[in-house]
C-alpha atoms as a PDB file:
ATOM      1  CA  MET A   1      90.188 -11.707 -22.107  1.00  0.00           C
ATOM      2  CA  THR A   2      89.592  -8.698 -24.127  1.00  0.00           C
ATOM      3  CA  GLU A   3      86.624  -6.832 -26.136  1.00  0.00           C
ATOM      4  CA  ALA A   4      88.957  -6.899 -29.118  1.00  0.00           C
ATOM      5  CA  TYR A   5      89.692 -10.319 -29.398  1.00  0.00           C
ATOM      6  CA  TYR A   6      85.844 -11.466 -29.094  1.00  0.00           C
ATOM      7  CA  ALA A   7      85.235  -8.477 -31.856  1.00  0.00           C
ATOM      8  CA  LYS A   8      82.634  -8.706 -34.676  1.00  0.00           C
ATOM      9  CA  ASN A   9      83.070 -11.098 -37.331  1.00  0.00           C
ATOM     10  CA  LYS A  10      86.091 -12.326 -35.547  1.00  0.00           C
ATOM     11  CA  HIS A  11      86.293 -16.472 -34.895  1.00  0.00           C
ATOM     12  CA  GLY A  12      83.772 -17.395 -37.662  1.00  0.00           C
ATOM     13  CA  TYR A  13      84.819 -21.236 -37.445  1.00  0.00           C
ATOM     14  CA  MET A  14      82.996 -21.014 -33.776  1.00  0.00           C
ATOM     15  CA  LEU A  15      79.844 -19.914 -35.380  1.00  0.00           C
ATOM     16  CA  TYR A  16      77.489 -23.186 -35.831  1.00  0.00           C
ATOM     17  CA  ARG A  17      74.022 -22.821 -36.805  1.00  0.00           C
ATOM     18  CA  ASP A  18      72.850 -26.520 -35.820  1.00  0.00           C
ATOM     19  CA  ARG A  19      73.089 -28.739 -32.783  1.00  0.00           C
ATOM     20  CA  ARG A  20      74.712 -31.687 -34.078  1.00  0.00           C
ATOM     21  CA  PHE A  21      78.621 -31.343 -32.857  1.00  0.00           C
ATOM     22  CA  ALA A  22      76.705 -29.595 -29.392  1.00  0.00           C
ATOM     23  CA  GLU A  23      74.572 -32.667 -29.119  1.00  0.00           C
ATOM     24  CA  TYR A  24      77.711 -34.790 -29.377  1.00  0.00           C
ATOM     25  CA  ILE A  25      79.683 -33.068 -26.784  1.00  0.00           C
ATOM     26  CA  PHE A  26      76.805 -32.308 -24.157  1.00  0.00           C
ATOM     27  CA  GLY A  27      75.637 -36.755 -24.728  1.00  0.00           C
ATOM     28  CA  GLN A  28      79.309 -37.116 -24.007  1.00  0.00           C
ATOM     29  CA  ILE A  29      79.132 -34.906 -20.692  1.00  0.00           C
ATOM     30  CA  GLU A  30      75.766 -37.062 -19.758  1.00  0.00           C
ATOM     31  CA  ASN A  31      76.964 -40.261 -20.356  1.00  0.00           C
ATOM     32  CA  MET A  32      80.159 -38.563 -17.855  1.00  0.00           C
ATOM     33  CA  THR A  33      77.824 -37.525 -15.140  1.00  0.00           C
ATOM     34  CA  GLY A  34      74.454 -40.285 -15.327  1.00  0.00           C
ATOM     35  CA  ASP A  35      71.301 -38.896 -13.833  1.00  0.00           C
ATOM     36  CA  ALA A  36      73.664 -36.378 -11.953  1.00  0.00           C
ATOM     37  CA  LEU A  37      72.494 -33.203 -13.715  1.00  0.00           C
ATOM     38  CA  ARG A  38      68.766 -34.327 -14.322  1.00  0.00           C
ATOM     39  CA  SER A  39      67.888 -32.944 -11.380  1.00  0.00           C
ATOM     40  CA  CYS A  40      68.663 -29.606 -12.156  1.00  0.00           C
ATOM     41  CA  ASP A  41      66.034 -27.255 -14.073  1.00  0.00           C
ATOM     42  CA  THR A  42      68.313 -24.673 -14.712  1.00  0.00           C
ATOM     43  CA  ALA A  43      71.616 -24.042 -17.002  1.00  0.00           C
ATOM     44  CA  VAL A  44      73.540 -21.373 -16.581  1.00  0.00           C
ATOM     45  CA  GLU A  45      76.299 -21.367 -19.726  1.00  0.00           C
ATOM     46  CA  LEU A  46      79.347 -19.060 -18.710  1.00  0.00           C
ATOM     47  CA  GLY A  47      80.948 -17.457 -21.683  1.00  0.00           C
ATOM     48  CA  ALA A  48      78.072 -18.435 -24.274  1.00  0.00           C
ATOM     49  CA  GLY A  49      80.612 -17.157 -27.219  1.00  0.00           C
ATOM     50  CA  MET A  50      78.281 -17.477 -30.880  1.00  0.00           C
ATOM     51  CA  GLY A  51      76.615 -20.189 -29.095  1.00  0.00           C
ATOM     52  CA  ARG A  52      78.124 -23.807 -30.386  1.00  0.00           C
ATOM     53  CA  PHE A  53      77.440 -25.203 -27.870  1.00  0.00           C
ATOM     54  CA  SER A  54      74.354 -23.582 -26.112  1.00  0.00           C
ATOM     55  CA  TYR A  55      72.141 -25.565 -28.449  1.00  0.00           C
ATOM     56  CA  ALA A  56      72.394 -28.783 -26.337  1.00  0.00           C
ATOM     57  CA  LEU A  57      70.880 -26.690 -23.184  1.00  0.00           C
ATOM     58  CA  PRO A  58      67.465 -25.514 -24.517  1.00  0.00           C
ATOM     59  CA  PRO A  59      65.874 -29.381 -24.924  1.00  0.00           C
ATOM     60  CA  ARG A  60      67.345 -30.461 -21.199  1.00  0.00           C
ATOM     61  CA  PHE A  61      67.418 -27.341 -19.028  1.00  0.00           C
ATOM     62  CA  ARG A  62      63.661 -25.324 -18.454  1.00  0.00           C
ATOM     63  CA  ARG A  63      65.864 -21.915 -17.577  1.00  0.00           C
ATOM     64  CA  VAL A  64      68.760 -21.341 -19.701  1.00  0.00           C
ATOM     65  CA  HIS A  65      71.143 -18.635 -19.158  1.00  0.00           C
ATOM     66  CA  LEU A  66      73.547 -17.539 -21.838  1.00  0.00           C
ATOM     67  CA  ILE A  67      76.216 -15.236 -20.465  1.00  0.00           C
ATOM     68  CA  GLU A  68      78.504 -13.364 -22.716  1.00  0.00           C
ATOM     69  CA  PRO A  69      80.652 -10.361 -21.935  1.00  0.00           C
ATOM     70  CA  SER A  70      81.228  -9.783 -26.117  1.00  0.00           C
ATOM     71  CA  ARG A  71      78.312  -7.472 -26.805  1.00  0.00           C
ATOM     72  CA  ASP A  72      78.897  -8.484 -30.789  1.00  0.00           C
ATOM     73  CA  TYR A  73      78.698 -12.075 -29.606  1.00  0.00           C
ATOM     74  CA  ALA A  74      75.427 -11.612 -27.128  1.00  0.00           C
ATOM     75  CA  ALA A  75      73.583  -9.783 -30.206  1.00  0.00           C
ATOM     76  CA  LEU A  76      74.325 -13.102 -32.447  1.00  0.00           C
ATOM     77  CA  LEU A  77      73.033 -15.289 -29.301  1.00  0.00           C
ATOM     78  CA  LYS A  78      69.882 -13.429 -28.721  1.00  0.00           C
ATOM     79  CA  GLU A  79      68.801 -13.841 -32.624  1.00  0.00           C
ATOM     80  CA  GLN A  80      69.434 -17.601 -32.561  1.00  0.00           C
ATOM     81  CA  PHE A  81      68.616 -18.420 -29.090  1.00  0.00           C
ATOM     82  CA  THR A  82      64.517 -17.507 -28.495  1.00  0.00           C
ATOM     83  CA  GLY A  83      61.939 -18.488 -25.645  1.00  0.00           C
ATOM     84  CA  PRO A  84      60.748 -17.108 -22.757  1.00  0.00           C
ATOM     85  CA  ASP A  85      62.303 -19.566 -20.889  1.00  0.00           C
ATOM     86  CA  ILE A  86      65.798 -18.861 -22.774  1.00  0.00           C
ATOM     87  CA  GLU A  87      67.900 -15.060 -21.005  1.00  0.00           C
ATOM     88  CA  VAL A  88      71.004 -13.927 -22.573  1.00  0.00           C
ATOM     89  CA  TYR A  89      72.956 -11.988 -20.811  1.00  0.00           C
ATOM     90  CA  ALA A  90      75.992  -9.221 -22.125  1.00  0.00           C
ATOM     91  CA  LEU A  91      77.939  -9.542 -18.557  1.00  0.00           C
ATOM     92  CA  THR A  92      81.477 -11.051 -17.286  1.00  0.00           C
ATOM     93  CA  ALA A  93      80.426 -14.416 -14.923  1.00  0.00           C
ATOM     94  CA  ASN A  94      81.395 -11.901 -12.334  1.00  0.00           C
ATOM     95  CA  GLU A  95      78.309  -9.802 -13.043  1.00  0.00           C
ATOM     96  CA  TYR A  96      76.342 -12.207 -13.467  1.00  0.00           C
ATOM     97  CA  PHE A  97      76.343 -13.723 -10.174  1.00  0.00           C
ATOM     98  CA  GLN A  98      76.358 -10.355  -8.359  1.00  0.00           C
ATOM     99  CA  MET A  99      73.207  -9.582 -10.182  1.00  0.00           C
ATOM    100  CA  HIS A 100      71.730 -12.603  -9.749  1.00  0.00           C
ATOM    101  CA  LYS A 101      71.141 -15.074  -6.898  1.00  0.00           C
ATOM    102  CA  ALA A 102      70.351 -18.740  -7.026  1.00  0.00           C
ATOM    103  CA  GLU A 103      67.522 -19.984  -8.880  1.00  0.00           C
ATOM    104  CA  GLY A 104      66.643 -23.745  -8.096  1.00  0.00           C
ATOM    105  CA  LYS A 105      69.043 -26.407  -8.817  1.00  0.00           C
ATOM    106  CA  ALA A 106      71.160 -25.829 -11.596  1.00  0.00           C
ATOM    107  CA  VAL A 107      74.584 -26.898 -13.236  1.00  0.00           C
ATOM    108  CA  CYS A 108      77.125 -23.948 -14.592  1.00  0.00           C
ATOM    109  CA  ALA A 109      78.277 -24.742 -17.730  1.00  0.00           C
ATOM    110  CA  GLY A 110      81.728 -23.799 -19.291  1.00  0.00           C
ATOM    111  CA  PHE A 111      82.419 -24.232 -23.043  1.00  0.00           C
ATOM    112  CA  HIS A 112      86.906 -23.074 -23.331  1.00  0.00           C
ATOM    113  CA  ILE A 113      86.606 -20.144 -21.113  1.00  0.00           C
ATOM    114  CA  LEU A 114      88.421 -21.750 -17.815  1.00  0.00           C
ATOM    115  CA  HIS A 115      91.968 -20.997 -19.776  1.00  0.00           C
ATOM    116  CA  HIS A 116      91.201 -17.374 -20.479  1.00  0.00           C
ATOM    117  CA  LEU A 117      91.094 -16.532 -16.759  1.00  0.00           C
ATOM    118  CA  VAL A 118      93.342 -16.653 -14.187  1.00  0.00           C
ATOM    119  CA  PRO A 119      93.636 -18.369 -11.046  1.00  0.00           C
ATOM    120  CA  ALA A 120      92.478 -15.597  -9.442  1.00  0.00           C
ATOM    121  CA  GLN A 121      89.320 -15.321 -11.497  1.00  0.00           C
ATOM    122  CA  ARG A 122      88.864 -19.171 -11.813  1.00  0.00           C
ATOM    123  CA  LYS A 123      88.542 -19.740  -7.779  1.00  0.00           C
ATOM    124  CA  GLU A 124      85.461 -16.592  -7.937  1.00  0.00           C
ATOM    125  CA  ILE A 125      83.643 -18.391 -10.370  1.00  0.00           C
ATOM    126  CA  PHE A 126      84.300 -21.647  -8.403  1.00  0.00           C
ATOM    127  CA  ASP A 127      83.504 -20.289  -5.159  1.00  0.00           C
ATOM    128  CA  ARG A 128      80.372 -18.488  -6.395  1.00  0.00           C
ATOM    129  CA  ILE A 129      79.135 -22.466  -7.423  1.00  0.00           C
ATOM    130  CA  ARG A 130      79.817 -23.126  -4.507  1.00  0.00           C
ATOM    131  CA  GLY A 131      78.202 -20.611  -2.797  1.00  0.00           C
ATOM    132  CA  ASN A 132      75.436 -21.781  -5.079  1.00  0.00           C
ATOM    133  CA  GLY A 133      75.318 -24.917  -4.491  1.00  0.00           C
ATOM    134  CA  TRP A 134      75.043 -25.664  -8.086  1.00  0.00           C
ATOM    135  CA  LYS A 135      76.660 -28.446  -9.982  1.00  0.00           C
ATOM    136  CA  ALA A 136      79.240 -27.805 -12.410  1.00  0.00           C
ATOM    137  CA  VAL A 137      80.551 -28.625 -15.428  1.00  0.00           C
ATOM    138  CA  PHE A 138      83.774 -27.548 -17.578  1.00  0.00           C
ATOM    139  CA  VAL A 139      84.465 -28.518 -20.919  1.00  0.00           C
ATOM    140  CA  GLU A 140      87.958 -27.319 -21.873  1.00  0.00           C
ATOM    141  CA  PRO A 141      90.858 -27.897 -24.929  1.00  0.00           C
ATOM    142  CA  ASN A 142      93.361 -30.788 -23.997  1.00  0.00           C
ATOM    143  CA  PRO A 143      96.687 -29.794 -23.494  1.00  0.00           C
ATOM    144  CA  TRP A 144      98.842 -32.618 -24.288  1.00  0.00           C
ATOM    145  CA  ASN A 145      97.491 -32.214 -27.757  1.00  0.00           C
ATOM    146  CA  PRO A 146      99.430 -31.119 -30.290  1.00  0.00           C
ATOM    147  CA  LEU A 147      97.089 -30.160 -32.934  1.00  0.00           C
ATOM    148  CA  PHE A 148      95.140 -27.336 -30.563  1.00  0.00           C
ATOM    149  CA  LEU A 149      98.579 -25.323 -30.356  1.00  0.00           C
ATOM    150  CA  LEU A 150      98.952 -25.959 -34.634  1.00  0.00           C
ATOM    151  CA  GLN A 151      95.644 -24.311 -34.730  1.00  0.00           C
ATOM    152  CA  LEU A 152      96.925 -21.524 -32.541  1.00  0.00           C
ATOM    153  CA  LEU A 153      99.757 -21.043 -35.098  1.00  0.00           C
ATOM    154  CA  VAL A 154      97.565 -21.299 -38.557  1.00  0.00           C
ATOM    155  CA  THR A 155      94.674 -19.637 -37.320  1.00  0.00           C
ATOM    156  CA  PRO A 156      95.185 -15.404 -38.156  1.00  0.00           C
ATOM    157  CA  ASP A 157      92.007 -14.912 -35.731  1.00  0.00           C
ATOM    158  CA  MET A 158      93.229 -16.755 -32.762  1.00  0.00           C
ATOM    159  CA  SER A 159      96.195 -15.604 -30.369  1.00  0.00           C
ATOM    160  CA  PHE A 160      99.210 -17.528 -27.806  1.00  0.00           C
ATOM    161  CA  LYS A 161      99.060 -14.654 -25.556  1.00  0.00           C
ATOM    162  CA  GLU A 162      94.830 -15.013 -25.190  1.00  0.00           C
ATOM    163  CA  GLU A 163      94.879 -18.495 -25.424  1.00  0.00           C
ATOM    164  CA  TRP A 164      98.314 -20.557 -23.897  1.00  0.00           C
ATOM    165  CA  ARG A 165      96.719 -20.767 -20.645  1.00  0.00           C
ATOM    166  CA  TYR A 166      95.273 -24.467 -21.922  1.00  0.00           C
ATOM    167  CA  LEU A 167      98.289 -25.911 -21.402  1.00  0.00           C
ATOM    168  CA  THR A 168      98.359 -25.132 -17.503  1.00  0.00           C
ATOM    169  CA  LEU A 169      95.137 -26.400 -17.236  1.00  0.00           C
ATOM    170  CA  THR A 170      96.075 -30.544 -16.471  1.00  0.00           C
ATOM    171  CA  ARG A 171      93.582 -32.705 -14.792  1.00  0.00           C
ATOM    172  CA  ARG A 172      95.273 -32.312 -11.491  1.00  0.00           C
ATOM    173  CA  ARG A 173      95.609 -28.579 -11.598  1.00  0.00           C
ATOM    174  CA  LEU A 174      91.229 -28.245 -11.975  1.00  0.00           C
ATOM    175  CA  ARG A 175      90.907 -30.701  -9.535  1.00  0.00           C
ATOM    176  CA  ARG A 176      93.369 -29.018  -7.112  1.00  0.00           C
ATOM    177  CA  GLU A 177      91.564 -25.166  -7.865  1.00  0.00           C
ATOM    178  CA  MET A 178      88.220 -26.831  -7.105  1.00  0.00           C
ATOM    179  CA  ARG A 179      89.052 -28.771  -3.832  1.00  0.00           C
ATOM    180  CA  ALA A 180      90.461 -24.615  -2.960  1.00  0.00           C
ATOM    181  CA  SER A 181      86.879 -23.508  -3.023  1.00  0.00           C
ATOM    182  CA  GLY A 182      85.133 -27.141  -1.655  1.00  0.00           C
ATOM    183  CA  ILE A 183      84.401 -28.687  -5.092  1.00  0.00           C
ATOM    184  CA  SER A 184      84.821 -32.055  -5.563  1.00  0.00           C
ATOM    185  CA  LEU A 185      85.795 -33.433  -9.012  1.00  0.00           C
ATOM    186  CA  ARG A 186      83.174 -36.327  -9.528  1.00  0.00           C
ATOM    187  CA  GLY A 187      83.969 -36.735 -13.264  1.00  0.00           C
ATOM    188  CA  TYR A 188      86.678 -36.232 -15.681  1.00  0.00           C
ATOM    189  CA  LYS A 189      87.228 -37.599 -19.388  1.00  0.00           C
ATOM    190  CA  ARG A 190      88.823 -36.884 -22.367  1.00  0.00           C
ATOM    191  CA  ILE A 191      86.559 -36.712 -25.473  1.00  0.00           C
ATOM    192  CA  CYS A 192      86.133 -35.679 -29.535  1.00  0.00           C
ATOM    193  CA  PHE A 193      89.545 -38.055 -30.990  1.00  0.00           C
ATOM    194  CA  LEU A 194      89.095 -36.113 -34.312  1.00  0.00           C
ATOM    195  CA  PRO A 195      90.184 -32.604 -34.311  1.00  0.00           C
ATOM    196  CA  PRO A 196      86.278 -30.108 -34.334  1.00  0.00           C
ATOM    197  CA  VAL A 197      86.666 -29.257 -37.764  1.00  0.00           C
ATOM    198  CA  ILE A 198      86.678 -33.049 -39.365  1.00  0.00           C
ATOM    199  CA  ALA A 199      84.256 -34.429 -36.347  1.00  0.00           C
ATOM    200  CA  ASP A 200      81.538 -32.062 -37.098  1.00  0.00           C
ATOM    201  CA  ARG A 201      81.708 -33.136 -40.679  1.00  0.00           C
ATOM    202  CA  LEU A 202      81.528 -36.686 -40.012  1.00  0.00           C
ATOM    203  CA  LEU A 203      78.604 -35.846 -37.678  1.00  0.00           C
ATOM    204  CA  ARG A 204      76.569 -34.352 -40.973  1.00  0.00           C
ATOM    205  CA  TRP A 205      76.187 -37.935 -42.067  1.00  0.00           C
ATOM    206  CA  PRO A 206      73.602 -40.507 -40.495  1.00  0.00           C
ATOM    207  CA  ALA A 207      74.200 -42.509 -38.033  1.00  0.00           C
ATOM    208  CA  SER A 208      77.917 -41.363 -37.809  1.00  0.00           C
ATOM    209  CA  LEU A 209      77.114 -40.909 -33.848  1.00  0.00           C
ATOM    210  CA  PRO A 210      78.142 -44.367 -32.768  1.00  0.00           C
ATOM    211  CA  LEU A 211      81.549 -44.199 -34.945  1.00  0.00           C
ATOM    212  CA  MET A 212      82.003 -40.950 -32.883  1.00  0.00           C
ATOM    213  CA  HIS A 213      82.068 -42.898 -30.012  1.00  0.00           C
ATOM    214  CA  PHE A 214      83.894 -45.466 -30.725  1.00  0.00           C
ATOM    215  CA  LEU A 215      86.762 -43.575 -31.729  1.00  0.00           C
ATOM    216  CA  ASP A 216      87.068 -41.546 -28.308  1.00  0.00           C
ATOM    217  CA  LYS A 217      87.088 -45.304 -26.398  1.00  0.00           C
ATOM    218  CA  LEU A 218      90.451 -44.734 -28.122  1.00  0.00           C
ATOM    219  CA  ASN A 219      91.144 -42.281 -26.175  1.00  0.00           C
ATOM    220  CA  ALA A 220      92.407 -43.649 -22.903  1.00  0.00           C
ATOM    221  CA  LEU A 221      94.683 -45.120 -24.928  1.00  0.00           C
ATOM    222  CA  LEU A 222      95.916 -42.251 -26.387  1.00  0.00           C
ATOM    223  CA  PRO A 223      94.652 -39.328 -24.493  1.00  0.00           C
ATOM    224  CA  CYS A 224      97.314 -36.951 -26.099  1.00  0.00           C
ATOM    225  CA  PHE A 225      94.517 -37.271 -29.380  1.00  0.00           C
ATOM    226  CA  GLY A 226      91.091 -36.062 -27.515  1.00  0.00           C
ATOM    227  CA  SER A 227      90.555 -32.650 -28.480  1.00  0.00           C
ATOM    228  CA  TYR A 228      88.804 -31.725 -25.189  1.00  0.00           C
ATOM    229  CA  GLN A 229      88.910 -32.825 -21.778  1.00  0.00           C
ATOM    230  CA  MET A 230      85.777 -32.734 -19.632  1.00  0.00           C
ATOM    231  CA  VAL A 231      85.368 -32.177 -16.001  1.00  0.00           C
ATOM    232  CA  TYR A 232      82.716 -32.425 -13.457  1.00  0.00           C
ATOM    233  CA  GLY A 233      81.721 -31.281 -10.287  1.00  0.00           C
ATOM    234  CA  GLU A 234      79.904 -30.590  -7.432  1.00  0.00           C
END
């Protein structure tokens, strides 16, 4: 993952100015994990980007650490997320782990981050999570959904060279890599039956959330239509 790929003014489609979509995603995470995350007082989000998924964290956790190696995106995060208990770090995940010790009970979250890393980098993150005794939640593109590949082809700012590893992150591989670091895969789910751009627009309508949850039940029957896959480990 290169700094140039995440330069200023790139990937504008990832810039969300409200919490609707993030709340939907994290609501699905809570449906999968039950009460498991309620004991965590700190959320550490790796690769927070423009904050597309970060909005759901401050209302749920006493402390929030947003980790983003792109200096441009980190500056944007600092503008959007303010408060004494929200910290933005312009660091890589490895740099953050080296500089900060475990702080109470925490969950480490990553949204569209793992597929940008090589296996050795993912293992380092999983080892750190395990060493800190943290819980882990990751949301990645569903490798079986052909629409993500189509999005790569039609979106000028997206690069197959930077994104292709999402095709390798199957449920089996994620379980195997987490297990190698001593993390047990406790939950797995495919979500977002509609393409994210359509889902985001639908969520602008009142009372649309129950419809979204109903559509997500179809992911069990048609797994190739889920936009994302979620994993929970501890």
